[in-house]
Amino acid sequence: EARVGSRIHSEHVVEVVDAGVDKQTGMP
């Protein structure tokens, strides 16, 4: 979802500006 969302450039799709996994909790 993060990879695909960051590649779509449309006013109809929310822009993904960053993504990751929290080092302390392992939470994406």
PDB file of all heavy atoms in Angstrom:
ATOM      1  N   GLU A   1       0.836  -1.201   0.000  1.00  0.00           N
ATOM      2  CA  GLU A   1       0.000   0.000   0.000  1.00  0.00           C
ATOM      3  C   GLU A   1       0.871   1.252   0.000  1.00  0.00           C
ATOM      4  O   GLU A   1       0.588   2.218  -0.706  1.00  0.00           O
ATOM      5  CB  GLU A   1      -0.926   0.001   1.217  1.00  0.00           C
ATOM      6  CG  GLU A   1      -1.796   1.229   1.312  1.00  0.00           C
ATOM      7  CD  GLU A   1      -2.673   1.250   2.555  1.00  0.00           C
ATOM      8  OE1 GLU A   1      -2.823   0.212   3.219  1.00  0.00           O
ATOM      9  OE2 GLU A   1      -3.212   2.331   2.854  1.00  0.00           O
ATOM     10  N   ALA A   2       1.952   1.230   0.765  1.00  0.00           N
ATOM     11  CA  ALA A   2       2.865   2.378   0.814  1.00  0.00           C
ATOM     12  C   ALA A   2       3.549   2.581  -0.537  1.00  0.00           C
ATOM     13  O   ALA A   2       3.615   3.709  -1.041  1.00  0.00           O
ATOM     14  CB  ALA A   2       3.915   2.166   1.907  1.00  0.00           C
ATOM     15  N   ARG A   3       4.052   1.524  -1.131  1.00  0.00           N
ATOM     16  CA  ARG A   3       4.756   1.642  -2.421  1.00  0.00           C
ATOM     17  C   ARG A   3       3.825   2.122  -3.525  1.00  0.00           C
ATOM     18  O   ARG A   3       4.151   3.040  -4.277  1.00  0.00           O
ATOM     19  CB  ARG A   3       5.388   0.307  -2.813  1.00  0.00           C
ATOM     20  CG  ARG A   3       6.641  -0.030  -2.039  1.00  0.00           C
ATOM     21  CD  ARG A   3       7.365  -1.215  -2.652  1.00  0.00           C
ATOM     22  NE  ARG A   3       6.522  -2.389  -2.780  1.00  0.00           N
ATOM     23  CZ  ARG A   3       6.275  -3.269  -1.807  1.00  0.00           C
ATOM     24  NH1 ARG A   3       6.838  -3.101  -0.624  1.00  0.00           N
ATOM     25  NH2 ARG A   3       5.502  -4.306  -2.009  1.00  0.00           N
ATOM     26  N   VAL A   4       2.671   1.505  -3.621  1.00  0.00           N
ATOM     27  CA  VAL A   4       1.720   1.864  -4.675  1.00  0.00           C
ATOM     28  C   VAL A   4       1.188   3.286  -4.448  1.00  0.00           C
ATOM     29  O   VAL A   4       1.124   4.089  -5.382  1.00  0.00           O
ATOM     30  CB  VAL A   4       0.558   0.846  -4.738  1.00  0.00           C
ATOM     31  CG1 VAL A   4      -0.540   1.327  -5.644  1.00  0.00           C
ATOM     32  CG2 VAL A   4       1.079  -0.509  -5.202  1.00  0.00           C
ATOM     33  N   GLY A   5       0.836   3.595  -3.217  1.00  0.00           N
ATOM     34  CA  GLY A   5       0.302   4.915  -2.906  1.00  0.00           C
ATOM     35  C   GLY A   5       1.279   6.041  -3.185  1.00  0.00           C
ATOM     36  O   GLY A   5       0.874   7.148  -3.543  1.00  0.00           O
ATOM     37  N   SER A   6       2.563   5.778  -3.042  1.00  0.00           N
ATOM     38  CA  SER A   6       3.559   6.822  -3.291  1.00  0.00           C
ATOM     39  C   SER A   6       3.788   7.056  -4.781  1.00  0.00           C
ATOM     40  O   SER A   6       4.326   8.085  -5.175  1.00  0.00           O
ATOM     41  CB  SER A   6       4.881   6.469  -2.613  1.00  0.00           C
ATOM     42  OG  SER A   6       5.479   5.361  -3.261  1.00  0.00           O
ATOM     43  N   ARG A   7       3.370   6.123  -5.616  1.00  0.00           N
ATOM     44  CA  ARG A   7       3.586   6.246  -7.064  1.00  0.00           C
ATOM     45  C   ARG A   7       2.414   6.858  -7.819  1.00  0.00           C
ATOM     46  O   ARG A   7       2.559   7.256  -8.965  1.00  0.00           O
ATOM     47  CB  ARG A   7       3.879   4.865  -7.652  1.00  0.00           C
ATOM     48  CG  ARG A   7       5.197   4.311  -7.192  1.00  0.00           C
ATOM     49  CD  ARG A   7       5.486   2.997  -7.867  1.00  0.00           C
ATOM     50  NE  ARG A   7       6.723   2.446  -7.362  1.00  0.00           N
ATOM     51  CZ  ARG A   7       6.880   1.196  -6.962  1.00  0.00           C
ATOM     52  NH1 ARG A   7       5.880   0.353  -7.033  1.00  0.00           N
ATOM     53  NH2 ARG A   7       8.048   0.790  -6.517  1.00  0.00           N
ATOM     54  N   ILE A   8       1.260   6.906  -7.182  1.00  0.00           N
ATOM     55  CA  ILE A   8       0.071   7.436  -7.852  1.00  0.00           C
ATOM     56  C   ILE A   8       0.002   8.942  -7.620  1.00  0.00           C
ATOM     57  O   ILE A   8       0.016   9.409  -6.483  1.00  0.00           O
ATOM     58  CB  ILE A   8      -1.211   6.760  -7.317  1.00  0.00           C
ATOM     59  CG1 ILE A   8      -1.173   5.266  -7.600  1.00  0.00           C
ATOM     60  CG2 ILE A   8      -2.444   7.413  -7.933  1.00  0.00           C
ATOM     61  CD1 ILE A   8      -2.309   4.496  -6.958  1.00  0.00           C
ATOM     62  N   HIS A   9      -0.068   9.683  -8.704  1.00  0.00           N
ATOM     63  CA  HIS A   9      -0.173  11.139  -8.613  1.00  0.00           C
ATOM     64  C   HIS A   9      -1.512  11.544  -9.212  1.00  0.00           C
ATOM     65  O   HIS A   9      -1.657  11.645 -10.424  1.00  0.00           O
ATOM     66  CB  HIS A   9       0.990  11.812  -9.346  1.00  0.00           C
ATOM     67  CG  HIS A   9       2.319  11.407  -8.794  1.00  0.00           C
ATOM     68  ND1 HIS A   9       2.789  11.899  -7.599  1.00  0.00           N
ATOM     69  CD2 HIS A   9       3.249  10.544  -9.243  1.00  0.00           C
ATOM     70  CE1 HIS A   9       3.968  11.357  -7.344  1.00  0.00           C
ATOM     71  NE2 HIS A   9       4.265  10.532  -8.324  1.00  0.00           N
ATOM     72  N   SER A  10      -2.496  11.722  -8.340  1.00  0.00           N
ATOM     73  CA  SER A  10      -3.844  12.057  -8.763  1.00  0.00           C
ATOM     74  C   SER A  10      -4.530  12.851  -7.663  1.00  0.00           C
ATOM     75  O   SER A  10      -4.314  12.586  -6.477  1.00  0.00           O
ATOM     76  CB  SER A  10      -4.649  10.784  -9.038  1.00  0.00           C
ATOM     77  OG  SER A  10      -6.018  11.074  -9.202  1.00  0.00           O
ATOM     78  N   GLU A  11      -5.348  13.805  -8.051  1.00  0.00           N
ATOM     79  CA  GLU A  11      -6.105  14.563  -7.057  1.00  0.00           C
ATOM     80  C   GLU A  11      -7.175  13.705  -6.391  1.00  0.00           C
ATOM     81  O   GLU A  11      -7.777  14.098  -5.399  1.00  0.00           O
ATOM     82  CB  GLU A  11      -6.744  15.795  -7.691  1.00  0.00           C
ATOM     83  CG  GLU A  11      -7.779  15.468  -8.751  1.00  0.00           C
ATOM     84  CD  GLU A  11      -8.340  16.700  -9.426  1.00  0.00           C
ATOM     85  OE1 GLU A  11      -7.585  17.374 -10.134  1.00  0.00           O
ATOM     86  OE2 GLU A  11      -9.540  16.963  -9.224  1.00  0.00           O
ATOM     87  N   HIS A  12      -7.388  12.496  -6.901  1.00  0.00           N
ATOM     88  CA  HIS A  12      -8.419  11.596  -6.375  1.00  0.00           C
ATOM     89  C   HIS A  12      -7.862  10.530  -5.436  1.00  0.00           C
ATOM     90  O   HIS A  12      -8.615   9.714  -4.915  1.00  0.00           O
ATOM     91  CB  HIS A  12      -9.163  10.925  -7.532  1.00  0.00           C
ATOM     92  CG  HIS A  12      -9.741  11.905  -8.491  1.00  0.00           C
ATOM     93  ND1 HIS A  12     -10.835  12.696  -8.189  1.00  0.00           N
ATOM     94  CD2 HIS A  12      -9.361  12.252  -9.737  1.00  0.00           C
ATOM     95  CE1 HIS A  12     -11.103  13.472  -9.215  1.00  0.00           C
ATOM     96  NE2 HIS A  12     -10.227  13.229 -10.165  1.00  0.00           N
ATOM     97  N   VAL A  13      -6.547  10.520  -5.248  1.00  0.00           N
ATOM     98  CA  VAL A  13      -5.897   9.513  -4.406  1.00  0.00           C
ATOM     99  C   VAL A  13      -4.991  10.226  -3.414  1.00  0.00           C
ATOM    100  O   VAL A  13      -4.213  11.111  -3.789  1.00  0.00           O
ATOM    101  CB  VAL A  13      -5.067   8.525  -5.264  1.00  0.00           C
ATOM    102  CG1 VAL A  13      -4.352   7.504  -4.387  1.00  0.00           C
ATOM    103  CG2 VAL A  13      -5.952   7.837  -6.286  1.00  0.00           C
ATOM    104  N   VAL A  14      -5.085   9.856  -2.151  1.00  0.00           N
ATOM    105  CA  VAL A  14      -4.253  10.472  -1.123  1.00  0.00           C
ATOM    106  C   VAL A  14      -2.777  10.177  -1.405  1.00  0.00           C
ATOM    107  O   VAL A  14      -2.413   9.081  -1.838  1.00  0.00           O
ATOM    108  CB  VAL A  14      -4.671   9.975   0.286  1.00  0.00           C
ATOM    109  CG1 VAL A  14      -4.352   8.509   0.486  1.00  0.00           C
ATOM    110  CG2 VAL A  14      -4.031  10.800   1.364  1.00  0.00           C
ATOM    111  N   GLU A  15      -1.920  11.181  -1.181  1.00  0.00           N
ATOM    112  CA  GLU A  15      -0.488  11.036  -1.427  1.00  0.00           C
ATOM    113  C   GLU A  15       0.202  10.433  -0.202  1.00  0.00           C
ATOM    114  O   GLU A  15       0.041  10.915   0.925  1.00  0.00           O
ATOM    115  CB  GLU A  15       0.133  12.403  -1.723  1.00  0.00           C
ATOM    116  CG  GLU A  15       1.628  12.348  -1.929  1.00  0.00           C
ATOM    117  CD  GLU A  15       2.260  13.729  -2.047  1.00  0.00           C
ATOM    118  OE1 GLU A  15       1.567  14.746  -1.850  1.00  0.00           O
ATOM    119  OE2 GLU A  15       3.464  13.774  -2.326  1.00  0.00           O
ATOM    120  N   VAL A  16       0.964   9.365  -0.410  1.00  0.00           N
ATOM    121  CA  VAL A  16       1.788   8.779   0.649  1.00  0.00           C
ATOM    122  C   VAL A  16       3.121   9.519   0.613  1.00  0.00           C
ATOM    123  O   VAL A  16       3.820   9.512  -0.392  1.00  0.00           O
ATOM    124  CB  VAL A  16       2.002   7.267   0.444  1.00  0.00           C
ATOM    125  CG1 VAL A  16       2.955   6.715   1.498  1.00  0.00           C
ATOM    126  CG2 VAL A  16       0.671   6.527   0.500  1.00  0.00           C
ATOM    127  N   VAL A  17       3.486  10.203   1.720  1.00  0.00           N
ATOM    128  CA  VAL A  17       4.703  11.009   1.739  1.00  0.00           C
ATOM    129  C   VAL A  17       5.879  10.302   2.396  1.00  0.00           C
ATOM    130  O   VAL A  17       7.032  10.666   2.167  1.00  0.00           O
ATOM    131  CB  VAL A  17       4.462  12.387   2.402  1.00  0.00           C
ATOM    132  CG1 VAL A  17       3.469  13.201   1.586  1.00  0.00           C
ATOM    133  CG2 VAL A  17       3.988  12.246   3.824  1.00  0.00           C
ATOM    134  N   ASP A  18       5.616   9.273   3.201  1.00  0.00           N
ATOM    135  CA  ASP A  18       6.693   8.507   3.831  1.00  0.00           C
ATOM    136  C   ASP A  18       6.099   7.228   4.412  1.00  0.00           C
ATOM    137  O   ASP A  18       4.887   7.127   4.597  1.00  0.00           O
ATOM    138  CB  ASP A  18       7.360   9.326   4.938  1.00  0.00           C
ATOM    139  CG  ASP A  18       8.785   8.866   5.240  1.00  0.00           C
ATOM    140  OD1 ASP A  18       9.252   7.884   4.619  1.00  0.00           O
ATOM    141  OD2 ASP A  18       9.430   9.480   6.095  1.00  0.00           O
ATOM    142  N   ALA A  19       6.942   6.282   4.696  1.00  0.00           N
ATOM    143  CA  ALA A  19       6.515   5.019   5.297  1.00  0.00           C
ATOM    144  C   ALA A  19       7.706   4.388   5.999  1.00  0.00           C
ATOM    145  O   ALA A  19       8.857   4.708   5.697  1.00  0.00           O
ATOM    146  CB  ALA A  19       5.965   4.075   4.234  1.00  0.00           C
ATOM    147  N   GLY A  20       7.416   3.492   6.917  1.00  0.00           N
ATOM    148  CA  GLY A  20       8.498   2.817   7.615  1.00  0.00           C
ATOM    149  C   GLY A  20       7.975   1.870   8.668  1.00  0.00           C
ATOM    150  O   GLY A  20       6.788   1.569   8.732  1.00  0.00           O
ATOM    151  N   VAL A  21       8.905   1.427   9.504  1.00  0.00           N
ATOM    152  CA  VAL A  21       8.593   0.547  10.625  1.00  0.00           C
ATOM    153  C   VAL A  21       9.261   1.147  11.854  1.00  0.00           C
ATOM    154  O   VAL A  21      10.463   1.436  11.835  1.00  0.00           O
ATOM    155  CB  VAL A  21       9.114  -0.884  10.379  1.00  0.00           C
ATOM    156  CG1 VAL A  21       8.862  -1.767  11.587  1.00  0.00           C
ATOM    157  CG2 VAL A  21       8.491  -1.478   9.131  1.00  0.00           C
ATOM    158  N   ASP A  22       8.481   1.371  12.908  1.00  0.00           N
ATOM    159  CA  ASP A  22       9.024   1.915  14.149  1.00  0.00           C
ATOM    160  C   ASP A  22      10.017   0.929  14.747  1.00  0.00           C
ATOM    161  O   ASP A  22       9.692  -0.256  14.942  1.00  0.00           O
ATOM    162  CB  ASP A  22       7.886   2.199  15.140  1.00  0.00           C
ATOM    163  CG  ASP A  22       8.393   2.840  16.404  1.00  0.00           C
ATOM    164  OD1 ASP A  22       8.693   4.041  16.366  1.00  0.00           O
ATOM    165  OD2 ASP A  22       8.489   2.124  17.428  1.00  0.00           O
ATOM    166  N   LYS A  23      11.227   1.389  15.032  1.00  0.00           N
ATOM    167  CA  LYS A  23      12.289   0.503  15.538  1.00  0.00           C
ATOM    168  C   LYS A  23      11.978  -0.084  16.907  1.00  0.00           C
ATOM    169  O   LYS A  23      12.324  -1.222  17.189  1.00  0.00           O
ATOM    170  CB  LYS A  23      13.618   1.260  15.592  1.00  0.00           C
ATOM    171  CG  LYS A  23      14.171   1.594  14.240  1.00  0.00           C
ATOM    172  CD  LYS A  23      15.463   2.376  14.350  1.00  0.00           C
ATOM    173  CE  LYS A  23      15.934   2.793  12.963  1.00  0.00           C
ATOM    174  NZ  LYS A  23      17.146   3.597  13.013  1.00  0.00           N
ATOM    175  N   GLN A  24      11.324   0.669  17.764  1.00  0.00           N
ATOM    176  CA  GLN A  24      11.046   0.194  19.118  1.00  0.00           C
ATOM    177  C   GLN A  24       9.898  -0.803  19.172  1.00  0.00           C
ATOM    178  O   GLN A  24       9.953  -1.774  19.922  1.00  0.00           O
ATOM    179  CB  GLN A  24      10.758   1.364  20.042  1.00  0.00           C
ATOM    180  CG  GLN A  24      11.963   2.229  20.295  1.00  0.00           C
ATOM    181  CD  GLN A  24      11.653   3.389  21.227  1.00  0.00           C
ATOM    182  OE1 GLN A  24      10.494   3.714  21.480  1.00  0.00           O
ATOM    183  NE2 GLN A  24      12.690   4.024  21.728  1.00  0.00           N
ATOM    184  N   THR A  25       8.850  -0.560  18.387  1.00  0.00           N
ATOM    185  CA  THR A  25       7.656  -1.406  18.490  1.00  0.00           C
ATOM    186  C   THR A  25       7.509  -2.403  17.341  1.00  0.00           C
ATOM    187  O   THR A  25       6.723  -3.335  17.440  1.00  0.00           O
ATOM    188  CB  THR A  25       6.382  -0.541  18.516  1.00  0.00           C
ATOM    189  OG1 THR A  25       6.273   0.153  17.260  1.00  0.00           O
ATOM    190  CG2 THR A  25       6.411   0.452  19.667  1.00  0.00           C
ATOM    191  N   GLY A  26       8.229  -2.171  16.233  1.00  0.00           N
ATOM    192  CA  GLY A  26       8.068  -3.013  15.056  1.00  0.00           C
ATOM    193  C   GLY A  26       6.784  -2.718  14.297  1.00  0.00           C
ATOM    194  O   GLY A  26       6.392  -3.471  13.411  1.00  0.00           O
ATOM    195  N   MET A  27       6.129  -1.602  14.614  1.00  0.00           N
ATOM    196  CA  MET A  27       4.851  -1.229  14.021  1.00  0.00           C
ATOM    197  C   MET A  27       5.051  -0.530  12.676  1.00  0.00           C
ATOM    198  O   MET A  27       5.688   0.513  12.618  1.00  0.00           O
ATOM    199  CB  MET A  27       4.100  -0.302  14.973  1.00  0.00           C
ATOM    200  CG  MET A  27       2.738   0.094  14.507  1.00  0.00           C
ATOM    201  SD  MET A  27       1.552  -1.229  14.662  1.00  0.00           S
ATOM    202  CE  MET A  27       1.600  -1.536  16.413  1.00  0.00           C
ATOM    203  N   PRO A  28       4.505  -1.087  11.583  1.00  0.00           N
ATOM    204  CA  PRO A  28       4.557  -0.403  10.295  1.00  0.00           C
ATOM    205  C   PRO A  28       3.656   0.831  10.303  1.00  0.00           C
ATOM    206  O   PRO A  28       2.610   0.841  10.958  1.00  0.00           O
ATOM    207  CB  PRO A  28       4.018  -1.444   9.302  1.00  0.00           C
ATOM    208  CG  PRO A  28       4.145  -2.745  10.003  1.00  0.00           C
ATOM    209  CD  PRO A  28       3.960  -2.440  11.449  1.00  0.00           C
TER     210      PRO A  28
END
